[in-house]
């Protein structure tokens, strides 16, 4: 599993009604292992030339916890819009599971994309 650096995990949606009612989005991983040629995340605008290699964002749960603690406005968090939250590595790494626990602890709602 490759690791990539991330400055932020939690992203505020400017227009939640366009994003399935999600006030925020998080993507804990980058890329996908399904090889789906129709995935929008393959688009060149996302600059992910190696999309078929799943990468985990380093210290994702630490970053997420810090960001959630600072948020005064709660809302619904969409998980996995740009990556598969339950990829092959999730059984071992449990990053998505940890994020779900944090979201519960900080009283955020969840919308989970399952591929």
Protein backbone atom coordinates (compact mmCIF):
# COMPACT_ATOMS: atom_id res chain seq x y z
CA UNK A 1 0.00 0.00 0.00
CA UNK A 2 1.37 3.37 -1.00
CA UNK A 3 1.02 6.37 1.28
CA UNK A 4 0.45 9.95 0.16
CA UNK A 5 0.56 13.15 2.17
CA UNK A 6 -2.61 15.08 2.90
CA UNK A 7 -3.02 18.52 4.43
CA UNK A 8 -6.76 18.17 4.91
CA UNK A 9 -9.31 15.37 4.91
CA UNK A 10 -12.63 17.15 5.53
CA UNK A 11 -13.83 19.38 2.69
CA UNK A 12 -16.80 21.74 2.97
CA UNK A 13 -19.19 21.60 0.02
CA UNK A 14 -20.17 25.05 -1.25
CA UNK A 15 -23.42 23.72 -2.70
CA UNK A 16 -24.61 20.73 -0.63
CA UNK A 17 -27.80 20.32 -2.68
CA UNK A 18 -25.62 19.44 -5.70
CA UNK A 19 -23.67 16.87 -3.67
CA UNK A 20 -26.54 14.58 -2.63
CA UNK A 21 -27.21 16.73 0.45
CA UNK A 22 -23.68 16.29 1.83
CA UNK A 23 -22.38 19.29 3.72
CA UNK A 24 -18.83 17.89 3.72
CA UNK A 25 -16.83 15.25 1.85
CA UNK A 26 -13.94 13.05 2.89
CA UNK A 27 -11.79 10.70 0.86
CA UNK A 28 -9.47 8.64 3.01
CA UNK A 29 -7.92 6.80 0.10
CA UNK A 30 -6.97 7.81 -3.42
CA UNK A 31 -7.51 5.55 -6.39
CA UNK A 32 -9.41 2.33 -6.86
CA UNK A 33 -8.73 -1.34 -7.44
CA UNK A 34 -11.82 -2.25 -9.47
CA UNK A 35 -10.42 -1.07 -12.79
CA UNK A 36 -13.71 0.56 -13.73
CA UNK A 37 -13.12 2.54 -16.92
CA UNK A 38 -16.23 4.68 -16.31
CA UNK A 39 -15.20 6.06 -12.94
CA UNK A 40 -15.35 9.87 -12.95
CA UNK A 41 -12.37 9.90 -10.57
CA UNK A 42 -10.18 8.88 -13.51
CA UNK A 43 -10.72 12.26 -15.12
CA UNK A 44 -7.52 14.15 -15.96
CA UNK A 45 -8.68 17.14 -13.91
CA UNK A 46 -8.02 15.14 -10.71
CA UNK A 47 -4.36 14.55 -11.68
CA UNK A 48 -4.30 10.92 -10.60
CA UNK A 49 -2.29 9.21 -13.32
CA UNK A 50 -1.93 5.99 -11.33
CA UNK A 51 -5.62 5.56 -10.47
CA UNK A 52 -5.52 1.74 -10.31
CA UNK A 53 -3.09 1.85 -7.39
CA UNK A 54 -4.87 2.47 -4.08
CA UNK A 55 -3.06 4.93 -1.84
CA UNK A 56 -3.87 5.79 1.78
CA UNK A 57 -3.61 9.35 3.05
CA UNK A 58 -0.96 9.48 5.76
CA UNK A 59 -2.31 10.26 9.24
CA UNK A 60 -5.83 10.56 7.81
CA UNK A 61 -7.57 9.84 11.11
CA UNK A 62 -5.37 12.25 13.08
CA UNK A 63 -6.03 15.02 10.55
CA UNK A 64 -9.76 14.23 10.47
CA UNK A 65 -10.05 14.31 14.26
CA UNK A 66 -8.40 17.74 14.42
CA UNK A 67 -10.68 19.08 11.69
CA UNK A 68 -13.86 17.69 13.25
CA UNK A 69 -12.96 19.15 16.65
CA UNK A 70 -12.76 22.64 15.11
CA UNK A 71 -16.12 22.50 13.32
CA UNK A 72 -18.96 24.37 14.95
CA UNK A 73 -21.43 23.58 12.17
CA UNK A 74 -22.32 19.90 12.12
CA UNK A 75 -23.68 18.28 8.99
CA UNK A 76 -23.73 15.24 6.76
CA UNK A 77 -20.34 13.95 5.60
CA UNK A 78 -20.14 12.08 2.31
CA UNK A 79 -17.50 9.36 2.32
CA UNK A 80 -15.98 7.83 -0.77
CA UNK A 81 -17.09 10.07 -3.62
CA UNK A 82 -13.63 9.86 -5.24
CA UNK A 83 -12.37 6.52 -3.93
CA UNK A 84 -13.69 3.22 -2.67
CA UNK A 85 -13.98 3.45 1.11
CA UNK A 86 -14.05 -0.34 1.39
CA UNK A 87 -11.15 -1.25 -0.87
CA UNK A 88 -9.02 -4.38 -0.47
CA UNK A 89 -6.88 -2.78 2.24
CA UNK A 90 -9.72 -1.67 4.52
CA UNK A 91 -9.97 -5.08 6.24
CA UNK A 92 -6.43 -4.64 7.50
CA UNK A 93 -6.14 -0.85 7.90
CA UNK A 94 -9.67 0.05 9.11
CA UNK A 95 -9.31 3.70 8.12
CA UNK A 96 -12.96 4.02 7.06
CA UNK A 97 -14.07 2.28 10.25
CA UNK A 98 -12.02 4.74 12.30
CA UNK A 99 -13.46 7.70 10.40
CA UNK A 100 -17.01 6.47 11.02
CA UNK A 101 -16.27 6.26 14.76
CA UNK A 102 -14.88 9.80 14.76
CA UNK A 103 -17.89 11.14 12.88
CA UNK A 104 -20.19 9.49 15.41
CA UNK A 105 -18.18 10.86 18.33
CA UNK A 106 -18.36 14.40 16.92
CA UNK A 107 -22.08 14.09 16.04
CA UNK A 108 -21.85 14.31 12.25
CA UNK A 109 -24.20 12.49 9.92
CA UNK A 110 -22.84 10.14 7.26
CA UNK A 111 -23.57 9.37 3.65
CA UNK A 112 -21.46 6.42 2.55
CA UNK A 113 -20.71 5.62 -1.08
CA UNK A 114 -20.28 1.89 -1.53
CA UNK A 115 -18.98 0.69 -4.86
